[in-house]
Amino acid sequence: APMQDPRAEGQPSQNRRRMKSDNMGNRRFKDLLEASMKSKDTEEWLDVHFTRPIGLFFALIWERLGVHPNTITIISIFLGDELTAILDAITAAGYKLSDFDAVCGRGGLYRPIPSGTYAVNDRVMADVEAAPYGEHPSNLGAYLAKKLGDMVGIPAFFVDPVCVDEMTEIAHYTGFAEFRRLCQFHALNHKAVGRRAAKELGKRYEDVNLIVCHLGGGVSVGAHEHGRVVDVCNVKDEGSMGMDRAGGLPVNQLISYCFSGKTKDEVKRTFGRRAGMFSYLGTTDFRVVCAKVVEGDPKAVEAYQALVYQLAKDIGAMAAVLHFNVDAIVYTAGMAYEDFFCDDISAYVSKIAPIIRLPGEEEMRSLAEGALRVLRGEQEAAQY
């Protein structure tokens, strides 16, 4: 028999290994691409088949090169892409940048700070570049505001970022000494809605106790005590589920899930973008959920009832924080437009306090009002 080339002997197994590696790479790309999409109900064809795959491809390249996502965005800011787009929008609206008295940007995941209007200083800019407290698109709001303000010599501010922390020290305790409860919530809308609700009651925000329920893509329920949010259920960690976030989970089941072969990134993506109502019904569109409930879809009805139940429990917990001395319970954000949803929550909690519905979000107005309070001399700009 002719001698076989020893190099050829290992070739099939090498090919199999290469094919296996390629298949694993393809599966990972498909899994990551699917995880980046909240729901087929809310994705356009162009995004699904073109924009997102290209974006993910380049994101994986930057990840392999060890380049921080914020770095890419900040480079594009320096190159002028974002600034040019903003300046073009200002011009299209019939204004010049020099017409303005200040620039106010959305605040992001910075260090824990009290509520207020903050001047954008070098420390903020450094934290945006390094992102020591986490990644979020809103991190760049203050950064852009500073760049724009410097162009014409006007001040730059940010107002009530998601990292506002006015919780008591006791409220930060958990059941384990090495863990500390994190305060991150929809502070900008919470504070604005709190002021509006107090006005409806004929009182100052600083003189009332409110439970504010932000009912949007993410949910948060906060106890507002005389102008301070002294406790809050943060959907990233605890409390009711949201449309795509898990909220609180059973600890032992969570431990088992984390050690079931999943990576840390996979677990975070799942509970941050693929959990909540999405995990039960496959959609993050609350309108779709409500339509299925009206149709009597048993699976949708049960998941919907669970969401209502969990939110009511959070409201009850915040009422206890306020010693049940509550002037009003306030529903806000997009889901608060749905009458029967608010009525179903109220069926659990209306005996605690009167209900005020302020649906939608006024975050752009809230940013402007925060800057105006400083410009009018009603308060001083806080320093980060």
Protein backbone atom coordinates (compact mmCIF):
# COMPACT_ATOMS: atom_id res chain seq x y z
CA ALA A 1 0.00 0.00 0.00
CA PRO A 2 1.33 3.47 -0.79
CA MET A 3 2.56 5.56 2.12
CA GLN A 4 0.13 8.27 3.24
CA ASP A 5 1.39 11.82 3.67
CA PRO A 6 1.38 12.39 7.46
CA ARG A 7 0.30 15.99 6.87
CA ALA A 8 -2.85 14.75 5.11
CA GLU A 9 -3.73 12.47 8.04
CA GLY A 10 -4.48 15.41 10.35
CA GLN A 11 -6.13 17.54 7.69
CA PRO A 12 -9.73 16.35 8.12
CA SER A 13 -9.65 16.93 11.89
CA GLN A 14 -8.11 20.37 11.36
CA ASN A 15 -10.85 21.19 8.88
CA ARG A 16 -13.48 19.96 11.31
CA ARG A 17 -12.00 22.13 14.06
CA ARG A 18 -11.95 25.12 11.72
CA MET A 19 -15.54 24.45 10.63
CA LYS A 20 -16.59 24.05 14.27
CA SER A 21 -14.88 27.32 15.16
CA ASP A 22 -16.54 29.08 12.22
CA ASN A 23 -19.94 27.70 13.21
CA MET A 24 -19.47 28.85 16.80
CA GLY A 25 -18.45 32.29 15.54
CA ASN A 26 -21.51 32.45 13.31
CA ARG A 27 -23.78 31.39 16.17
CA ARG A 28 -22.25 34.00 18.48
CA PHE A 29 -22.75 36.72 15.87
CA LYS A 30 -26.38 35.67 15.33
CA ASP A 31 -27.01 35.50 19.08
CA LEU A 32 -25.49 38.95 19.63
CA LEU A 33 -27.43 40.37 16.69
CA GLU A 34 -30.69 38.93 18.02
CA ALA A 35 -29.92 40.24 21.52
CA SER A 36 -29.42 43.74 20.13
CA MET A 37 -33.01 43.79 18.88
CA LYS A 38 -35.65 44.36 21.51
CA SER A 39 -38.54 43.01 19.45
CA LYS A 40 -39.51 42.23 15.88
CA ASP A 41 -42.50 44.49 16.50
CA THR A 42 -40.29 47.56 16.79
CA GLU A 43 -37.52 46.87 14.27
CA GLU A 44 -37.45 48.15 10.68
CA TRP A 45 -36.36 45.84 7.84
CA LEU A 46 -33.35 48.07 7.07
CA ASP A 47 -32.18 47.87 10.71
CA VAL A 48 -32.59 44.08 10.91
CA HIS A 49 -30.80 43.26 7.65
CA PHE A 50 -28.34 46.11 7.18
CA THR A 51 -27.73 48.75 9.87
CA ARG A 52 -27.48 46.52 12.94
CA PRO A 53 -25.35 43.73 11.37
CA ILE A 54 -22.82 46.30 10.09
CA GLY A 55 -22.79 48.11 13.43
CA LEU A 56 -22.28 44.84 15.32
CA PHE A 57 -19.48 43.79 12.94
CA PHE A 58 -17.49 46.95 13.68
CA ALA A 59 -18.32 46.79 17.40
CA LEU A 60 -16.78 43.29 17.57
CA ILE A 61 -13.67 44.55 15.78
CA TRP A 62 -13.27 47.40 18.29
CA GLU A 63 -13.88 44.92 21.14
CA ARG A 64 -11.14 42.61 19.84
CA LEU A 65 -8.77 45.58 19.60
CA GLY A 66 -9.64 46.59 23.17
CA VAL A 67 -11.04 49.98 22.11
CA HIS A 68 -13.60 51.41 24.57
CA PRO A 69 -17.03 52.20 22.96
CA ASN A 70 -16.98 55.69 24.48
CA THR A 71 -13.65 56.30 22.78
CA ILE A 72 -15.20 55.74 19.36
CA THR A 73 -18.03 58.17 20.05
CA ILE A 74 -15.72 60.80 21.53
CA ILE A 75 -13.40 60.54 18.51
CA SER A 76 -16.41 61.14 16.26
CA ILE A 77 -17.31 64.18 18.38
CA PHE A 78 -13.81 65.61 17.90
CA LEU A 79 -14.07 64.91 14.18
CA GLY A 80 -17.24 66.97 14.22
CA ASP A 81 -19.90 64.43 13.18
CA GLU A 82 -22.24 64.88 16.17
CA LEU A 83 -21.51 68.59 16.58
CA THR A 84 -22.12 69.24 12.89
CA ALA A 85 -25.47 67.44 13.06
CA ILE A 86 -26.54 69.55 16.06
CA LEU A 87 -25.39 72.80 14.46
CA ASP A 88 -27.22 71.88 11.24
CA ALA A 89 -30.42 71.28 13.25
CA ILE A 90 -30.04 74.67 14.98
CA THR A 91 -29.55 76.40 11.62
CA ALA A 92 -32.53 74.57 10.10
CA ALA A 93 -34.67 75.88 12.96
CA GLY A 94 -33.63 79.46 12.11
CA TYR A 95 -31.17 80.07 14.94
CA LYS A 96 -27.43 80.49 15.53
CA LEU A 97 -25.58 78.90 18.45
CA SER A 98 -24.72 82.41 19.68
CA ASP A 99 -28.47 83.11 20.11
CA PHE A 100 -28.56 80.84 23.17
CA ASP A 101 -27.72 81.61 26.80
CA ALA A 102 -26.74 78.06 27.82
CA VAL A 103 -26.56 74.48 26.62
CA CYS A 104 -28.06 71.70 28.73
CA GLY A 105 -27.33 68.02 28.09
CA ARG A 106 -28.80 64.82 29.46
CA GLY A 107 -26.74 63.41 32.34
CA GLY A 108 -25.72 59.77 32.45
CA LEU A 109 -24.04 57.16 34.61
CA TYR A 110 -21.76 59.36 36.68
CA ARG A 111 -20.89 59.03 40.36
CA PRO A 112 -23.86 59.19 42.80
CA ILE A 113 -24.91 62.83 43.34
CA PRO A 114 -27.87 64.74 44.82
CA SER A 115 -30.59 66.16 42.58
CA GLY A 116 -29.92 69.49 40.91
CA THR A 117 -28.55 71.44 37.95
CA TYR A 118 -24.81 70.88 37.55
CA ALA A 119 -22.19 72.86 35.67
CA VAL A 120 -20.20 70.64 33.30
CA ASN A 121 -16.62 70.70 34.56
CA ASP A 122 -13.40 68.82 33.80
CA ARG A 123 -14.26 66.06 36.24
CA VAL A 124 -17.48 65.31 34.36
CA MET A 125 -15.60 65.27 31.06
CA ALA A 126 -13.02 62.84 32.48
CA ASP A 127 -15.73 60.49 33.78
CA VAL A 128 -17.47 60.50 30.40
CA GLU A 129 -14.22 59.52 28.67
CA ALA A 130 -13.35 56.77 31.18
CA ALA A 131 -16.94 55.62 31.92
CA PRO A 132 -16.02 54.20 35.37
CA TYR A 133 -19.69 53.90 36.36
CA GLY A 134 -20.96 52.15 33.24
CA GLU A 135 -21.88 52.69 29.59
CA HIS A 136 -25.00 54.56 28.48
CA PRO A 137 -25.69 56.88 25.53
CA SER A 138 -26.82 59.60 27.96
CA ASN A 139 -23.26 59.76 29.32
CA LEU A 140 -22.38 61.88 26.30
CA GLY A 141 -25.07 64.53 26.81
CA ALA A 142 -23.03 66.67 29.19
CA TYR A 143 -19.92 66.15 27.06
CA LEU A 144 -21.65 67.46 23.93
CA ALA A 145 -23.16 70.36 25.88
CA LYS A 146 -19.69 71.45 27.03
CA LYS A 147 -18.23 71.25 23.50
CA LEU A 148 -21.09 73.32 22.10
CA GLY A 149 -21.02 75.87 24.92
CA ASP A 150 -17.28 76.42 24.54
CA MET A 151 -17.76 77.32 20.88
CA VAL A 152 -19.54 80.55 21.80
CA GLY A 153 -18.58 81.03 25.44
CA ILE A 154 -21.86 80.07 27.12
CA PRO A 155 -22.29 77.79 30.16
CA ALA A 156 -23.06 74.08 29.88
CA PHE A 157 -25.24 72.17 32.36
CA PHE A 158 -26.78 68.78 33.01
CA VAL A 159 -29.83 68.17 35.21
CA ASP A 160 -30.93 65.26 37.43
CA PRO A 161 -29.03 62.40 35.76
CA VAL A 162 -29.96 58.74 36.32
CA CYS A 163 -27.30 58.53 39.05
CA VAL A 164 -29.12 60.94 41.41
CA ASP A 165 -28.86 59.39 44.87
CA GLU A 166 -30.81 60.88 47.79
CA MET A 167 -31.48 57.58 49.52
CA THR A 168 -30.89 57.29 53.24
CA GLU A 169 -27.95 55.22 54.40
CA ILE A 170 -30.35 52.65 55.86
CA ALA A 171 -32.03 52.34 52.45
CA HIS A 172 -28.67 51.41 50.88
CA TYR A 173 -28.38 48.28 53.07
CA THR A 174 -28.90 44.83 51.53
CA GLY A 175 -28.84 41.39 53.10
CA PHE A 176 -25.09 40.99 52.58
CA ALA A 177 -22.40 43.33 53.89
CA GLU A 178 -20.39 43.35 50.65
CA PHE A 179 -23.39 44.48 48.58
CA ARG A 180 -24.92 47.96 48.55
CA ARG A 181 -28.18 48.95 46.89
CA LEU A 182 -27.60 51.08 43.84
CA CYS A 183 -29.72 54.16 43.20
CA GLN A 184 -30.26 54.59 39.46
CA PHE A 185 -33.64 55.66 38.13
CA HIS A 186 -35.49 58.03 35.79
CA ALA A 187 -34.57 60.97 38.00
CA LEU A 188 -35.14 63.72 35.43
CA ASN A 189 -38.75 62.72 34.78
CA HIS A 190 -39.39 61.76 38.43
CA LYS A 191 -38.37 65.21 39.64
CA ALA A 192 -40.25 67.11 36.93
CA VAL A 193 -43.42 65.09 37.48
CA GLY A 194 -43.06 65.45 41.25
CA ARG A 195 -43.09 69.24 40.87
CA ARG A 196 -46.11 69.12 38.54
CA ALA A 197 -48.03 66.84 40.91
CA ALA A 198 -47.28 69.10 43.87
CA LYS A 199 -48.55 72.06 41.86
CA GLU A 200 -51.80 70.18 41.17
CA LEU A 201 -52.10 69.68 44.93
CA GLY A 202 -51.57 73.41 45.46
CA LYS A 203 -48.34 72.83 47.37
CA ARG A 204 -44.58 73.08 46.94
CA TYR A 205 -42.71 69.94 45.91
CA GLU A 206 -40.63 70.31 49.07
CA ASP A 207 -43.79 70.17 51.22
CA VAL A 208 -45.38 66.92 49.94
CA ASN A 209 -44.84 63.17 50.09
CA LEU A 210 -45.37 61.41 46.76
CA ILE A 211 -44.97 57.97 45.25
CA VAL A 212 -43.97 58.49 41.62
CA CYS A 213 -44.28 55.56 39.21
CA HIS A 214 -42.35 55.93 35.96
CA LEU A 215 -44.09 53.46 33.65
CA GLY A 216 -42.09 53.31 30.43
CA GLY A 217 -39.77 50.89 28.66
CA GLY A 218 -38.04 50.81 32.03
CA VAL A 219 -40.02 51.23 35.22
CA SER A 220 -39.06 52.81 38.53
CA VAL A 221 -41.12 53.54 41.63
CA GLY A 222 -39.78 56.17 44.02
CA ALA A 223 -40.68 57.56 47.44
CA HIS A 224 -40.45 61.39 47.30
CA GLU A 225 -40.25 62.80 50.81
CA HIS A 226 -40.32 66.60 51.00
CA GLY A 227 -38.39 67.06 47.75
CA ARG A 228 -35.97 64.14 48.09
CA VAL A 229 -36.24 60.65 46.60
CA VAL A 230 -35.38 58.72 49.75
CA ASP A 231 -35.89 55.26 48.24
CA VAL A 232 -36.56 53.80 44.81
CA CYS A 233 -37.09 50.43 43.17
CA ASN A 234 -34.46 50.23 40.44
CA VAL A 235 -35.63 47.87 37.68
CA LYS A 236 -32.03 47.00 36.80
CA ASP A 237 -31.68 45.28 40.18
CA GLU A 238 -34.99 44.86 41.98
CA GLY A 239 -38.71 45.46 42.10
CA SER A 240 -41.20 44.95 39.29
CA MET A 241 -40.19 43.68 35.90
CA GLY A 242 -40.30 46.11 33.01
CA MET A 243 -40.95 45.54 29.33
CA ASP A 244 -37.48 44.07 28.74
CA ARG A 245 -35.78 44.12 32.17
CA ALA A 246 -36.09 41.48 34.82
CA GLY A 247 -36.43 43.48 38.03
CA GLY A 248 -36.02 41.35 41.16
CA LEU A 249 -35.30 37.64 40.65
CA PRO A 250 -35.18 34.57 42.97
CA VAL A 251 -31.58 34.44 44.21
CA ASN A 252 -31.02 30.68 44.07
CA GLN A 253 -32.49 30.36 40.58
CA LEU A 254 -30.37 33.31 39.47
CA ILE A 255 -27.21 31.65 40.82
CA SER A 256 -28.02 28.43 38.98
CA TYR A 257 -28.68 30.33 35.76
CA CYS A 258 -25.36 32.18 36.01
CA PHE A 259 -23.50 28.86 36.34
CA SER A 260 -25.35 27.11 33.52
CA GLY A 261 -22.63 27.84 30.95
CA LYS A 262 -23.60 31.45 30.30
CA THR A 263 -20.97 34.19 30.14
CA LYS A 264 -21.29 37.34 32.25
CA ASP A 265 -22.10 39.40 29.15
CA GLU A 266 -24.78 36.94 28.08
CA VAL A 267 -26.43 37.06 31.50
CA LYS A 268 -26.36 40.87 31.59
CA ARG A 269 -27.83 41.11 28.07
CA THR A 270 -30.57 38.63 28.91
CA PHE A 271 -31.73 40.33 32.10
CA GLY A 272 -31.19 43.82 30.72
CA ARG A 273 -32.78 43.49 27.27
CA ARG A 274 -34.49 40.11 26.87
CA ALA A 275 -36.28 39.70 30.19
CA GLY A 276 -39.44 41.18 31.68
CA MET A 277 -42.60 41.10 29.56
CA PHE A 278 -40.51 40.36 26.49
CA SER A 279 -39.47 37.01 27.95
CA TYR A 280 -43.13 36.05 28.42
CA LEU A 281 -44.76 37.52 25.31
CA GLY A 282 -41.96 38.22 22.80
CA THR A 283 -42.67 41.94 22.50
CA THR A 284 -41.58 45.16 24.18
CA ASP A 285 -44.47 47.14 22.69
CA PHE A 286 -46.97 47.75 25.50
CA ARG A 287 -49.64 48.61 22.95
CA VAL A 288 -49.34 45.09 21.54
CA VAL A 289 -49.61 43.64 25.04
CA CYS A 290 -52.75 45.68 25.78
CA ALA A 291 -54.33 44.67 22.46
CA LYS A 292 -53.76 40.98 23.30
CA VAL A 293 -55.24 41.52 26.76
CA VAL A 294 -58.36 43.10 25.24
CA GLU A 295 -58.62 40.14 22.83
CA GLY A 296 -58.52 37.80 25.82
CA ASP A 297 -55.25 36.06 25.00
CA PRO A 298 -54.77 33.96 28.17
CA LYS A 299 -50.97 34.11 28.13
CA ALA A 300 -50.97 37.89 27.67
CA VAL A 301 -53.66 38.39 30.33
CA GLU A 302 -51.69 36.45 32.92
CA ALA A 303 -48.36 38.21 32.21
CA TYR A 304 -50.15 41.59 32.23
CA GLN A 305 -51.77 40.81 35.58
CA ALA A 306 -48.36 39.86 36.97
CA LEU A 307 -46.92 43.22 35.85
CA VAL A 308 -49.79 45.09 37.54
CA TYR A 309 -49.36 42.99 40.70
CA GLN A 310 -45.60 43.61 40.90
CA LEU A 311 -45.97 47.37 40.39
CA ALA A 312 -48.64 47.51 43.10
CA LYS A 313 -46.26 45.73 45.50
CA ASP A 314 -43.54 48.31 44.76
CA ILE A 315 -45.99 51.15 45.46
CA GLY A 316 -46.94 49.49 48.74
CA ALA A 317 -43.28 49.20 49.70
CA MET A 318 -42.68 52.90 48.99
CA ALA A 319 -45.79 53.78 51.03
CA ALA A 320 -44.23 51.98 53.98
CA VAL A 321 -41.02 54.00 53.49
CA LEU A 322 -43.16 57.16 53.84
CA HIS A 323 -44.95 55.74 56.94
CA PHE A 324 -48.11 55.70 54.80
CA ASN A 325 -48.16 59.50 54.97
CA VAL A 326 -48.65 59.93 51.21
CA ASP A 327 -50.20 62.97 49.52
CA ALA A 328 -50.55 61.32 46.11
CA ILE A 329 -49.52 58.39 43.92
CA VAL A 330 -48.40 59.62 40.49
CA TYR A 331 -48.38 57.59 37.25
CA THR A 332 -46.17 58.92 34.46
CA ALA A 333 -44.39 57.97 31.19
CA GLY A 334 -45.79 56.20 28.15
CA MET A 335 -47.64 53.28 29.73
CA ALA A 336 -49.63 55.73 31.89
CA TYR A 337 -51.64 56.67 28.76
CA GLU A 338 -53.48 53.33 29.02
CA ASP A 339 -56.60 53.89 31.13
CA PHE A 340 -57.35 50.31 32.14
CA PHE A 341 -53.70 49.66 33.08
CA CYS A 342 -53.71 52.58 35.52
CA ASP A 343 -57.13 51.55 36.81
CA ASP A 344 -55.91 48.00 37.46
CA ILE A 345 -52.93 49.25 39.49
CA SER A 346 -55.18 51.67 41.35
CA ALA A 347 -57.49 48.81 42.33
CA TYR A 348 -54.65 47.62 44.57
CA VAL A 349 -53.31 50.93 45.91
CA SER A 350 -55.96 53.69 45.72
CA LYS A 351 -56.74 53.39 49.45
CA ILE A 352 -53.20 54.61 50.19
CA ALA A 353 -53.57 58.05 48.58
CA PRO A 354 -55.27 59.92 45.69
CA ILE A 355 -54.09 59.04 42.19
CA ILE A 356 -52.65 61.64 39.78
CA ARG A 357 -52.01 60.65 36.17
CA LEU A 358 -49.41 62.64 34.24
CA PRO A 359 -48.72 60.43 31.20
CA GLY A 360 -45.80 60.96 28.86
CA GLU A 361 -42.39 62.43 29.60
CA GLU A 362 -41.26 66.05 29.62
CA GLU A 363 -37.56 65.48 29.90
CA MET A 364 -36.55 68.11 27.30
CA ARG A 365 -38.66 70.71 29.11
CA SER A 366 -37.16 69.52 32.41
CA LEU A 367 -33.63 70.11 31.12
CA ALA A 368 -34.57 73.63 30.01
CA GLU A 369 -36.29 74.41 33.32
CA GLY A 370 -33.25 73.19 35.25
CA ALA A 371 -30.94 75.49 33.29
CA LEU A 372 -33.38 78.40 33.64
CA ARG A 373 -33.42 78.06 37.44
CA VAL A 374 -29.69 78.77 37.41
CA LEU A 375 -29.81 81.50 34.75
CA ARG A 376 -32.59 83.31 36.65
CA GLY A 377 -30.67 83.15 39.93
CA GLU A 378 -33.21 80.86 41.62
CA GLN A 379 -30.43 78.43 42.52
CA GLU A 380 -26.69 78.06 42.05
CA ALA A 381 -25.23 75.50 39.69
CA ALA A 382 -23.97 72.53 41.68
CA GLN A 383 -20.40 71.36 41.17
CA TYR A 384 -19.70 67.74 40.25
